[in-house]
Amino acid sequence: PNLIHTIHACASMQRAIEAQRSASRNLSRQKLGLPEDCFVFAACGTFDWRKGAELFVPICVALRRHMGRTPFRALWIGPYA
């Protein structure tokens, strides 16, 4: 029983709010190696057709055109398979 962890299928707003309070923006950027001055674009989900994964790169290309010289980072949050 000590090795079993329950992972619920839906997000917990209470845990998200607590995590937001405990992690500062600067600390999160530092942990991810993100510069302070960059715009961050993130997509989330499993990396398959149901989540629009095939659109991620074209969106990044369009974002680069739109952002001009403004630095940005694109992150996919979630498992590859």
N, C-alpha and C. Protein backbone atom coordinates (compact mmCIF):
# COMPACT_ATOMS: atom_id res chain seq x y z
N PRO A 1 0.81 -1.22 0.00
CA PRO A 1 0.00 0.00 0.00
C PRO A 1 0.84 1.27 0.00
N ASN A 2 2.04 1.25 0.57
CA ASN A 2 2.88 2.45 0.61
C ASN A 2 3.45 2.80 -0.76
N LEU A 3 3.45 1.86 -1.69
CA LEU A 3 4.01 2.10 -3.02
C LEU A 3 2.94 2.50 -4.03
N ILE A 4 1.69 2.56 -3.61
CA ILE A 4 0.59 2.89 -4.52
C ILE A 4 0.20 4.34 -4.32
N HIS A 5 0.13 5.09 -5.43
CA HIS A 5 -0.28 6.48 -5.40
C HIS A 5 -1.48 6.66 -6.33
N THR A 6 -2.49 7.33 -5.86
CA THR A 6 -3.66 7.61 -6.68
C THR A 6 -3.43 8.89 -7.45
N ILE A 7 -3.63 8.82 -8.77
CA ILE A 7 -3.54 9.99 -9.62
C ILE A 7 -4.92 10.18 -10.24
N HIS A 8 -5.60 11.21 -9.82
CA HIS A 8 -6.96 11.45 -10.29
C HIS A 8 -6.95 11.97 -11.73
N ALA A 9 -8.01 11.68 -12.46
CA ALA A 9 -8.09 12.02 -13.87
C ALA A 9 -8.38 13.50 -14.13
N CYS A 10 -8.71 14.24 -13.11
CA CYS A 10 -9.00 15.66 -13.33
C CYS A 10 -8.09 16.52 -12.46
N ALA A 11 -8.02 17.77 -12.81
CA ALA A 11 -7.13 18.69 -12.11
C ALA A 11 -7.75 19.12 -10.78
N SER A 12 -6.92 19.35 -9.81
CA SER A 12 -7.35 19.85 -8.52
C SER A 12 -7.06 21.34 -8.44
N MET A 13 -8.09 22.14 -8.39
CA MET A 13 -7.90 23.59 -8.29
C MET A 13 -7.20 23.95 -6.99
N GLN A 14 -7.52 23.26 -5.92
CA GLN A 14 -6.89 23.54 -4.63
C GLN A 14 -5.38 23.32 -4.71
N ARG A 15 -4.95 22.20 -5.32
CA ARG A 15 -3.52 21.95 -5.46
C ARG A 15 -2.87 22.96 -6.39
N ALA A 16 -3.57 23.36 -7.45
CA ALA A 16 -3.02 24.34 -8.38
C ALA A 16 -2.81 25.69 -7.70
N ILE A 17 -3.78 26.11 -6.90
CA ILE A 17 -3.66 27.39 -6.19
C ILE A 17 -2.53 27.33 -5.18
N GLU A 18 -2.41 26.23 -4.47
CA GLU A 18 -1.32 26.07 -3.50
C GLU A 18 0.04 26.07 -4.20
N ALA A 19 0.12 25.40 -5.33
CA ALA A 19 1.39 25.37 -6.08
C ALA A 19 1.74 26.75 -6.60
N GLN A 20 0.73 27.49 -7.04
CA GLN A 20 0.97 28.85 -7.54
C GLN A 20 1.50 29.74 -6.43
N ARG A 21 0.95 29.59 -5.26
CA ARG A 21 1.40 30.42 -4.14
C ARG A 21 2.83 30.08 -3.72
N SER A 22 3.20 28.80 -3.83
CA SER A 22 4.51 28.39 -3.34
C SER A 22 5.63 28.62 -4.36
N ALA A 23 5.30 28.73 -5.63
CA ALA A 23 6.33 28.91 -6.65
C ALA A 23 6.27 30.32 -7.21
N SER A 24 7.36 31.01 -7.14
CA SER A 24 7.40 32.35 -7.71
C SER A 24 7.69 32.27 -9.19
N ARG A 25 7.33 33.30 -9.92
CA ARG A 25 7.58 33.37 -11.36
C ARG A 25 9.07 33.26 -11.64
N ASN A 26 9.87 34.00 -10.91
CA ASN A 26 11.32 33.98 -11.15
C ASN A 26 11.93 32.62 -10.86
N LEU A 27 11.49 31.97 -9.80
CA LEU A 27 12.03 30.66 -9.45
C LEU A 27 11.65 29.63 -10.52
N SER A 28 10.41 29.70 -11.00
CA SER A 28 9.97 28.77 -12.04
C SER A 28 10.78 28.97 -13.31
N ARG A 29 11.00 30.21 -13.71
CA ARG A 29 11.80 30.49 -14.90
C ARG A 29 13.23 30.00 -14.71
N GLN A 30 13.77 30.21 -13.52
CA GLN A 30 15.14 29.78 -13.24
C GLN A 30 15.25 28.25 -13.34
N LYS A 31 14.29 27.53 -12.78
CA LYS A 31 14.32 26.06 -12.83
C LYS A 31 14.24 25.54 -14.27
N LEU A 32 13.49 26.25 -15.12
CA LEU A 32 13.33 25.83 -16.51
C LEU A 32 14.39 26.42 -17.44
N GLY A 33 15.26 27.28 -16.91
CA GLY A 33 16.29 27.90 -17.73
C GLY A 33 15.73 28.92 -18.71
N LEU A 34 14.66 29.60 -18.32
CA LEU A 34 14.02 30.59 -19.18
C LEU A 34 14.48 31.99 -18.81
N PRO A 35 14.88 32.78 -19.80
CA PRO A 35 15.28 34.16 -19.51
C PRO A 35 14.11 34.98 -18.96
N GLU A 36 14.43 35.96 -18.15
CA GLU A 36 13.42 36.83 -17.54
C GLU A 36 12.61 37.60 -18.57
N ASP A 37 13.23 37.94 -19.70
CA ASP A 37 12.60 38.84 -20.66
C ASP A 37 11.90 38.13 -21.82
N CYS A 38 11.73 36.81 -21.75
CA CYS A 38 11.12 36.13 -22.89
C CYS A 38 9.64 35.84 -22.64
N PHE A 39 8.90 35.81 -23.74
CA PHE A 39 7.49 35.43 -23.72
C PHE A 39 7.44 33.91 -23.74
N VAL A 40 6.57 33.32 -22.92
CA VAL A 40 6.48 31.86 -22.85
C VAL A 40 5.14 31.41 -23.41
N PHE A 41 5.21 30.53 -24.42
CA PHE A 41 4.04 29.92 -25.02
C PHE A 41 4.05 28.46 -24.63
N ALA A 42 2.96 27.95 -24.07
CA ALA A 42 2.92 26.55 -23.64
C ALA A 42 1.66 25.87 -24.15
N ALA A 43 1.82 24.61 -24.51
CA ALA A 43 0.70 23.76 -24.87
C ALA A 43 0.78 22.54 -23.97
N CYS A 44 -0.36 21.92 -23.73
CA CYS A 44 -0.39 20.85 -22.75
C CYS A 44 -1.22 19.67 -23.26
N GLY A 45 -0.75 18.48 -22.99
CA GLY A 45 -1.48 17.27 -23.32
C GLY A 45 -0.55 16.18 -23.77
N THR A 46 -1.13 15.05 -24.11
CA THR A 46 -0.33 13.98 -24.69
C THR A 46 0.05 14.40 -26.10
N PHE A 47 1.18 13.96 -26.56
CA PHE A 47 1.68 14.40 -27.87
C PHE A 47 1.09 13.50 -28.96
N ASP A 48 -0.19 13.69 -29.24
CA ASP A 48 -0.84 12.93 -30.31
C ASP A 48 -1.90 13.79 -30.99
N TRP A 49 -2.53 13.24 -32.01
CA TRP A 49 -3.46 14.00 -32.85
C TRP A 49 -4.64 14.57 -32.08
N ARG A 50 -5.06 13.95 -31.00
CA ARG A 50 -6.23 14.43 -30.25
C ARG A 50 -5.98 15.78 -29.59
N LYS A 51 -4.74 16.12 -29.36
CA LYS A 51 -4.40 17.37 -28.66
C LYS A 51 -3.84 18.44 -29.60
N GLY A 52 -3.88 18.19 -30.89
CA GLY A 52 -3.40 19.19 -31.85
C GLY A 52 -1.90 19.31 -31.88
N ALA A 53 -1.20 18.23 -31.55
CA ALA A 53 0.26 18.27 -31.50
C ALA A 53 0.86 18.66 -32.86
N GLU A 54 0.17 18.29 -33.95
CA GLU A 54 0.69 18.62 -35.28
C GLU A 54 0.65 20.12 -35.55
N LEU A 55 -0.07 20.87 -34.75
CA LEU A 55 -0.16 22.32 -34.92
C LEU A 55 0.90 23.08 -34.13
N PHE A 56 1.57 22.39 -33.23
CA PHE A 56 2.51 23.06 -32.32
C PHE A 56 3.62 23.79 -33.07
N VAL A 57 4.29 23.10 -34.00
CA VAL A 57 5.39 23.73 -34.74
C VAL A 57 4.89 24.86 -35.64
N PRO A 58 3.82 24.66 -36.43
CA PRO A 58 3.32 25.80 -37.22
C PRO A 58 2.92 27.00 -36.38
N ILE A 59 2.38 26.76 -35.20
CA ILE A 59 2.03 27.88 -34.31
C ILE A 59 3.30 28.59 -33.85
N CYS A 60 4.35 27.84 -33.57
CA CYS A 60 5.63 28.44 -33.16
C CYS A 60 6.21 29.30 -34.29
N VAL A 61 6.09 28.81 -35.52
CA VAL A 61 6.59 29.57 -36.67
C VAL A 61 5.80 30.88 -36.81
N ALA A 62 4.47 30.79 -36.70
CA ALA A 62 3.63 31.99 -36.79
C ALA A 62 3.93 32.95 -35.64
N LEU A 63 4.16 32.39 -34.46
CA LEU A 63 4.49 33.23 -33.31
C LEU A 63 5.81 33.96 -33.52
N ARG A 64 6.80 33.27 -34.09
CA ARG A 64 8.09 33.91 -34.38
C ARG A 64 7.89 35.10 -35.32
N ARG A 65 7.07 34.92 -36.35
CA ARG A 65 6.80 36.02 -37.28
C ARG A 65 6.10 37.18 -36.57
N HIS A 66 5.16 36.85 -35.71
CA HIS A 66 4.37 37.86 -35.01
C HIS A 66 5.20 38.60 -33.95
N MET A 67 6.08 37.88 -33.26
CA MET A 67 6.84 38.45 -32.15
C MET A 67 8.02 39.30 -32.62
N GLY A 68 8.42 39.13 -33.86
CA GLY A 68 9.57 39.90 -34.34
C GLY A 68 10.83 39.54 -33.57
N ARG A 69 11.47 40.55 -32.99
CA ARG A 69 12.73 40.31 -32.25
C ARG A 69 12.51 39.96 -30.78
N THR A 70 11.25 39.98 -30.33
CA THR A 70 10.96 39.65 -28.93
C THR A 70 11.28 38.19 -28.69
N PRO A 71 12.11 37.89 -27.70
CA PRO A 71 12.45 36.49 -27.44
C PRO A 71 11.25 35.73 -26.88
N PHE A 72 11.12 34.48 -27.29
CA PHE A 72 10.08 33.63 -26.73
C PHE A 72 10.57 32.19 -26.65
N ARG A 73 9.90 31.42 -25.81
CA ARG A 73 10.16 29.99 -25.69
C ARG A 73 8.83 29.28 -25.79
N ALA A 74 8.84 28.16 -26.49
CA ALA A 74 7.65 27.34 -26.63
C ALA A 74 7.86 26.05 -25.85
N LEU A 75 6.91 25.70 -25.03
CA LEU A 75 7.01 24.51 -24.19
C LEU A 75 5.83 23.59 -24.45
N TRP A 76 6.10 22.30 -24.57
CA TRP A 76 5.04 21.30 -24.59
C TRP A 76 5.07 20.63 -23.24
N ILE A 77 3.98 20.68 -22.53
CA ILE A 77 3.90 20.12 -21.18
C ILE A 77 3.08 18.84 -21.26
N GLY A 78 3.70 17.74 -21.02
CA GLY A 78 3.00 16.47 -21.06
C GLY A 78 3.88 15.38 -21.65
N PRO A 79 3.40 14.14 -21.59
CA PRO A 79 4.19 13.02 -22.08
C PRO A 79 4.26 12.96 -23.60
N TYR A 80 5.35 12.43 -24.11
CA TYR A 80 5.55 12.29 -25.55
C TYR A 80 4.67 11.19 -26.12
N ALA A 81 4.49 10.12 -25.37
CA ALA A 81 3.71 8.98 -25.88
C ALA A 81 2.46 8.77 -25.08
